[in-house]
Amino acid sequence: KTASTFDPEGKVTRAQLITMVARAAELASPPSSYVPPFGNFDPAHYPWARKAAYAGLLDGLQGMGRSFGFSAPATRAEVAEVLTADRRFGVDYSMTKVDWPVFFRQLKASGRDFIGRYLPWKGAAWRQVTKAELEAATAAGVDYFFWFEDSDNHFSARNGFAQGVADAQEALRALERLGVPTATPVYYTVDYPASDGSEIDAYFRGIVSVVPVSQVGAYGNYVTIDWLHQNGLATYFCQSNAWPQPEGWHPVAQMRQDVTSLWIGGVHCDRLTVTAPDFGQCRAR
């Protein structure tokens, strides 16, 4: 047997299990500065285990750390954790001229069952969700949630309290136009690598002056999520790997975005993974 094969009638090691899952999921490489919680081990499996750790696939394994035995046989519990842990997979995208029934069939066939979409607002109409799309998603049994972003200015979260108030009010109007309950959570994007959470503090305080914090989600990097969590300014968090983040994934982020390209039904998508049953989604009925 080589390091990369195993006896189909024998035992699968932890390293082999993790490698198979990471390869099947086509996980992206983490930043070069990322250091996983375990030590280096055989070169056939370490790169895949590093990817799996960065993606959160190993979060539920007991005993993960420097002394974790990757060459030991995987237990049934570990197989179940890695393969069927409480995770869901979805996508977000910016296209609107799509055959939605075909797209949603292919989305479901890929093992993904929810989408993240931009609320309609000013500019960039080509990326904004429509009623017809939401109706098609519901018919296909696909859940959805919403982003709010000024497509003309990705740095608007720096613009302070008044901007947060205006954006929250606009998000409520957008939900109403779509026929979606205005109590639906919305993820307000910090679509740049914030280096100091204080620069977005006033913006989110403006948002929570309009809607309760239970309706507020945030998208951004580790710094963004950590600041908003520590200050109680959001309930839902999506962390993206669009920027180098040596800290890895924040433990409170219910959702993780992987910007590695994925095409489904002719639509260019980012990959989403959620690790909690409630991430602010509208459930298909």
Protein backbone atom coordinates (compact mmCIF):
# COMPACT_ATOMS: atom_id res chain seq x y z
CA LYS A 1 0.00 0.00 0.00
CA THR A 2 1.22 3.52 -0.73
CA ALA A 3 0.60 6.58 1.38
CA SER A 4 -2.20 7.66 -0.95
CA THR A 5 -4.10 4.37 -1.26
CA PHE A 6 -5.82 2.05 1.17
CA ASP A 7 -7.17 -1.46 1.31
CA PRO A 8 -10.92 -1.33 0.47
CA GLU A 9 -11.48 -4.14 2.93
CA GLY A 10 -9.23 -2.69 5.60
CA LYS A 11 -9.26 0.35 7.83
CA VAL A 12 -9.13 3.95 6.63
CA THR A 13 -6.77 6.21 8.50
CA ARG A 14 -7.82 9.64 9.66
CA ALA A 15 -5.43 11.19 7.15
CA GLN A 16 -6.90 9.19 4.26
CA LEU A 17 -10.46 10.07 5.26
CA ILE A 18 -9.69 13.78 5.48
CA THR A 19 -7.79 13.74 2.18
CA MET A 20 -10.66 12.04 0.34
CA VAL A 21 -13.22 14.52 1.66
CA ALA A 22 -11.04 17.57 1.00
CA ARG A 23 -10.33 16.46 -2.57
CA ALA A 24 -13.99 15.68 -3.26
CA ALA A 25 -14.99 19.12 -1.97
CA GLU A 26 -12.31 20.81 -4.12
CA LEU A 27 -11.24 22.92 -1.17
CA ALA A 28 -9.15 25.99 -1.87
CA SER A 29 -5.69 26.44 -0.41
CA PRO A 30 -5.59 28.64 2.70
CA PRO A 31 -3.30 31.68 2.93
CA SER A 32 0.39 30.80 3.14
CA SER A 33 0.48 32.28 6.65
CA TYR A 34 -2.24 29.96 7.97
CA VAL A 35 -0.98 27.48 10.58
CA PRO A 36 -3.39 24.61 11.36
CA PRO A 37 -3.86 23.39 14.94
CA PHE A 38 -1.83 20.24 14.27
CA GLY A 39 1.79 19.61 13.41
CA ASN A 40 3.20 18.73 10.02
CA PHE A 41 3.09 15.08 8.98
CA ASP A 42 3.46 13.00 5.82
CA PRO A 43 3.50 15.14 2.65
CA ALA A 44 0.84 13.05 0.89
CA HIS A 45 -1.89 14.11 3.29
CA TYR A 46 -0.75 17.21 5.18
CA PRO A 47 -1.70 19.74 2.44
CA TRP A 48 -5.22 18.31 2.28
CA ALA A 49 -5.61 18.24 6.06
CA ARG A 50 -4.47 21.87 6.15
CA LYS A 51 -7.16 22.78 3.61
CA ALA A 52 -9.77 20.83 5.55
CA ALA A 53 -8.85 22.53 8.81
CA TYR A 54 -9.04 25.99 7.23
CA ALA A 55 -12.46 25.17 5.75
CA GLY A 56 -13.75 24.04 9.14
CA LEU A 57 -14.25 20.39 8.21
CA LEU A 58 -12.25 19.25 11.22
CA ASP A 59 -13.93 21.51 13.78
CA GLY A 60 -15.91 18.69 15.37
CA LEU A 61 -13.11 16.16 15.72
CA GLN A 62 -12.16 15.40 19.31
CA GLY A 63 -8.54 15.74 20.36
CA MET A 64 -7.50 17.94 17.45
CA GLY A 65 -4.11 19.43 18.23
CA ARG A 66 -0.38 18.84 18.02
CA SER A 67 -0.68 15.26 19.25
CA PHE A 68 -3.61 14.25 17.00
CA GLY A 69 -2.79 10.87 15.44
CA PHE A 70 -3.50 11.15 11.72
CA SER A 71 -2.16 7.67 11.02
CA ALA A 72 -4.62 6.06 13.44
CA PRO A 73 -7.71 4.35 11.98
CA ALA A 74 -10.71 6.66 11.67
CA THR A 75 -13.52 5.70 14.01
CA ARG A 76 -17.14 5.51 12.90
CA ALA A 77 -17.83 8.67 14.87
CA GLU A 78 -15.03 10.52 13.05
CA VAL A 79 -16.27 9.34 9.67
CA ALA A 80 -19.75 10.58 10.55
CA GLU A 81 -18.40 13.92 11.79
CA VAL A 82 -16.30 14.63 8.72
CA LEU A 83 -18.90 13.41 6.22
CA THR A 84 -22.20 14.39 7.79
CA ALA A 85 -21.54 17.10 10.38
CA ASP A 86 -24.17 19.77 10.79
CA ARG A 87 -23.18 21.68 7.67
CA ARG A 88 -25.05 22.88 4.64
CA PHE A 89 -23.65 24.05 1.37
CA GLY A 90 -24.84 26.82 -0.91
CA VAL A 91 -23.67 29.58 -3.22
CA ASP A 92 -23.90 33.28 -3.87
CA TYR A 93 -23.65 34.96 -7.25
CA SER A 94 -24.33 38.19 -9.14
CA MET A 95 -26.17 37.11 -12.29
CA THR A 96 -29.82 37.65 -13.19
CA LYS A 97 -30.25 36.52 -16.82
CA VAL A 98 -30.53 32.86 -15.91
CA ASP A 99 -32.90 29.96 -16.61
CA TRP A 100 -33.82 29.63 -12.95
CA PRO A 101 -35.56 26.22 -12.99
CA VAL A 102 -32.53 24.70 -14.75
CA PHE A 103 -30.09 26.46 -12.45
CA PHE A 104 -31.84 25.38 -9.27
CA ARG A 105 -32.07 21.77 -10.47
CA GLN A 106 -28.34 21.74 -11.09
CA LEU A 107 -27.69 23.49 -7.78
CA LYS A 108 -29.59 20.81 -5.88
CA ALA A 109 -27.83 18.08 -7.88
CA SER A 110 -24.48 19.52 -6.72
CA GLY A 111 -25.46 19.01 -3.07
CA ARG A 112 -26.20 22.69 -2.44
CA ASP A 113 -29.58 23.94 -1.26
CA PHE A 114 -29.42 27.66 -0.49
CA ILE A 115 -28.39 30.92 -2.14
CA GLY A 116 -27.26 34.35 -1.02
CA ARG A 117 -28.53 37.27 -3.11
CA TYR A 118 -28.18 41.04 -3.25
CA LEU A 119 -31.19 43.12 -2.33
CA PRO A 120 -32.38 45.42 -5.14
CA TRP A 121 -31.12 48.96 -4.76
CA LYS A 122 -29.31 51.56 -6.83
CA GLY A 123 -26.85 50.64 -9.56
CA ALA A 124 -25.69 47.24 -10.81
CA ALA A 125 -29.18 45.88 -11.52
CA TRP A 126 -27.55 42.86 -13.17
CA ARG A 127 -26.52 41.51 -9.77
CA GLN A 128 -29.75 42.10 -7.82
CA VAL A 129 -32.36 39.50 -6.89
CA THR A 130 -35.84 39.54 -8.42
CA LYS A 131 -39.22 38.23 -7.31
CA ALA A 132 -39.18 35.71 -10.16
CA GLU A 133 -35.88 34.29 -8.95
CA LEU A 134 -37.15 33.92 -5.38
CA GLU A 135 -40.32 32.25 -6.61
CA ALA A 136 -38.24 29.79 -8.65
CA ALA A 137 -36.01 29.10 -5.64
CA THR A 138 -39.02 28.40 -3.44
CA ALA A 139 -40.52 26.09 -6.06
CA ALA A 140 -37.23 24.17 -6.20
CA GLY A 141 -36.95 23.86 -2.42
CA VAL A 142 -33.97 26.23 -2.21
CA ASP A 143 -33.58 28.55 0.79
CA TYR A 144 -32.25 32.08 0.38
CA PHE A 145 -30.83 34.96 2.37
CA PHE A 146 -29.91 38.54 1.53
CA TRP A 147 -26.86 40.77 1.23
CA PHE A 148 -27.08 44.56 1.29
CA GLU A 149 -24.26 46.37 -0.49
CA ASP A 150 -23.73 49.70 -2.18
CA SER A 151 -22.37 48.38 -5.46
CA ASP A 152 -20.98 51.84 -6.24
CA ASN A 153 -18.94 52.03 -3.03
CA HIS A 154 -17.66 48.91 -1.28
CA PHE A 155 -16.21 51.12 1.46
CA SER A 156 -19.54 52.64 2.57
CA ALA A 157 -19.27 50.92 5.98
CA ARG A 158 -16.63 53.55 6.78
CA ASN A 159 -19.16 56.35 6.33
CA GLY A 160 -20.52 56.36 9.85
CA PHE A 161 -23.80 56.32 11.73
CA ALA A 162 -25.95 58.21 9.23
CA GLN A 163 -24.92 55.85 6.44
CA GLY A 164 -25.89 52.87 8.58
CA VAL A 165 -29.31 54.41 9.25
CA ALA A 166 -29.88 55.10 5.55
CA ASP A 167 -28.76 51.63 4.48
CA ALA A 168 -30.95 49.86 7.04
CA GLN A 169 -33.95 51.90 5.92
CA GLU A 170 -33.21 51.12 2.28
CA ALA A 171 -32.87 47.41 3.07
CA LEU A 172 -36.32 47.44 4.68
CA ARG A 173 -37.78 49.06 1.57
CA ALA A 174 -36.08 46.48 -0.64
CA LEU A 175 -37.50 43.59 1.39
CA GLU A 176 -40.95 45.13 1.14
CA ARG A 177 -40.66 45.51 -2.64
CA LEU A 178 -39.78 41.81 -2.91
CA GLY A 179 -42.77 40.82 -0.79
CA VAL A 180 -40.47 39.44 1.91
CA PRO A 181 -41.25 40.07 5.61
CA THR A 182 -39.38 43.15 6.81
CA ALA A 183 -38.28 41.21 9.90
CA THR A 184 -36.02 39.11 7.65
CA PRO A 185 -32.31 39.33 8.60
CA VAL A 186 -29.98 41.08 6.18
CA TYR A 187 -26.20 40.77 5.90
CA TYR A 188 -24.60 44.22 5.53
CA THR A 189 -21.32 43.85 3.70
CA VAL A 190 -17.89 45.13 4.65
CA ASP A 191 -16.44 44.20 1.29
CA TYR A 192 -12.85 45.14 1.96
CA PRO A 193 -10.17 43.90 4.40
CA ALA A 194 -10.92 46.01 7.46
CA SER A 195 -7.83 46.36 9.66
CA ASP A 196 -9.52 48.01 12.65
CA GLY A 197 -13.07 47.30 13.73
CA SER A 198 -13.52 50.82 15.06
CA GLU A 199 -13.79 52.10 11.49
CA ILE A 200 -17.10 50.25 10.99
CA ASP A 201 -18.49 50.62 14.50
CA ALA A 202 -20.58 53.75 13.90
CA TYR A 203 -22.04 52.33 10.69
CA PHE A 204 -23.40 49.25 12.45
CA ARG A 205 -24.64 51.34 15.37
CA GLY A 206 -26.64 53.26 12.80
CA ILE A 207 -28.09 50.01 11.47
CA VAL A 208 -29.16 48.75 14.91
CA SER A 209 -30.85 52.08 15.61
CA VAL A 210 -33.30 51.17 12.83
CA VAL A 211 -33.67 47.39 13.13
CA PRO A 212 -33.08 45.07 16.09
CA VAL A 213 -29.70 43.38 16.26
CA SER A 214 -31.50 40.05 15.78
CA GLN A 215 -32.07 41.11 12.15
CA VAL A 216 -28.49 42.18 11.47
CA GLY A 217 -25.92 40.08 9.68
CA ALA A 218 -22.42 41.10 8.67
CA TYR A 219 -20.09 39.98 5.88
CA GLY A 220 -16.38 40.61 6.01
CA ASN A 221 -13.02 39.46 7.24
CA TYR A 222 -11.95 38.14 10.64
CA VAL A 223 -11.41 41.64 12.08
CA THR A 224 -14.91 42.74 11.05
CA ILE A 225 -16.61 39.72 12.55
CA ASP A 226 -14.62 39.80 15.77
CA TRP A 227 -15.35 43.48 16.40
CA LEU A 228 -19.07 43.23 15.71
CA HIS A 229 -19.41 40.09 17.81
CA GLN A 230 -17.49 41.56 20.74
CA ASN A 231 -19.62 44.73 20.65
CA GLY A 232 -22.98 43.01 20.13
CA LEU A 233 -23.68 44.74 16.82
CA ALA A 234 -24.73 41.73 14.73
CA THR A 235 -26.24 38.28 15.14
CA TYR A 236 -25.30 36.58 11.88
CA PHE A 237 -21.79 36.49 10.47
CA CYS A 238 -20.32 35.44 7.13
CA GLN A 239 -16.54 35.39 6.86
CA SER A 240 -14.93 35.41 3.43
CA ASN A 241 -11.53 34.09 2.41
CA ALA A 242 -11.27 36.85 -0.21
CA TRP A 243 -8.43 38.36 1.84
CA PRO A 244 -5.48 36.79 3.72
CA GLN A 245 -6.52 36.00 7.29
CA PRO A 246 -3.84 34.24 9.32
CA GLU A 247 -6.30 33.85 12.21
CA GLY A 248 -8.32 31.33 10.18
CA TRP A 249 -12.08 31.10 10.49
CA HIS A 250 -13.76 32.95 13.34
CA PRO A 251 -15.65 30.49 15.59
CA VAL A 252 -18.81 32.64 15.70
CA ALA A 253 -19.17 32.84 11.92
CA GLN A 254 -22.17 30.69 11.03
CA MET A 255 -21.28 31.05 7.36
CA ARG A 256 -18.05 30.85 5.41
CA GLN A 257 -17.54 32.07 1.88
CA ASP A 258 -14.94 30.48 -0.37
CA VAL A 259 -14.32 32.64 -3.44
CA THR A 260 -12.75 29.77 -5.39
CA SER A 261 -14.58 29.74 -8.72
CA LEU A 262 -17.51 27.36 -9.12
CA TRP A 263 -19.77 27.21 -12.17
CA ILE A 264 -23.28 25.78 -11.90
CA GLY A 265 -25.73 25.95 -14.80
CA GLY A 266 -23.68 28.66 -16.50
CA VAL A 267 -23.63 30.82 -13.36
CA HIS A 268 -20.36 31.85 -11.74
CA CYS A 269 -20.71 31.26 -8.00
CA ASP A 270 -18.86 31.64 -4.74
CA ARG A 271 -19.13 28.67 -2.37
CA LEU A 272 -20.90 28.99 0.98
CA THR A 273 -20.80 26.66 3.97
CA VAL A 274 -23.01 27.10 7.02
CA THR A 275 -22.42 25.43 10.35
CA ALA A 276 -25.62 26.42 12.17
CA PRO A 277 -29.29 25.63 11.49
CA ASP A 278 -30.21 29.32 11.60
CA PHE A 279 -28.18 31.69 9.47
CA GLY A 280 -30.92 34.21 8.73
CA GLN A 281 -32.35 32.31 5.79
CA CYS A 282 -35.84 32.38 4.35
CA ARG A 283 -36.92 28.76 4.21
CA ALA A 284 -38.50 27.42 1.06
CA ARG A 285 -42.10 26.39 1.68
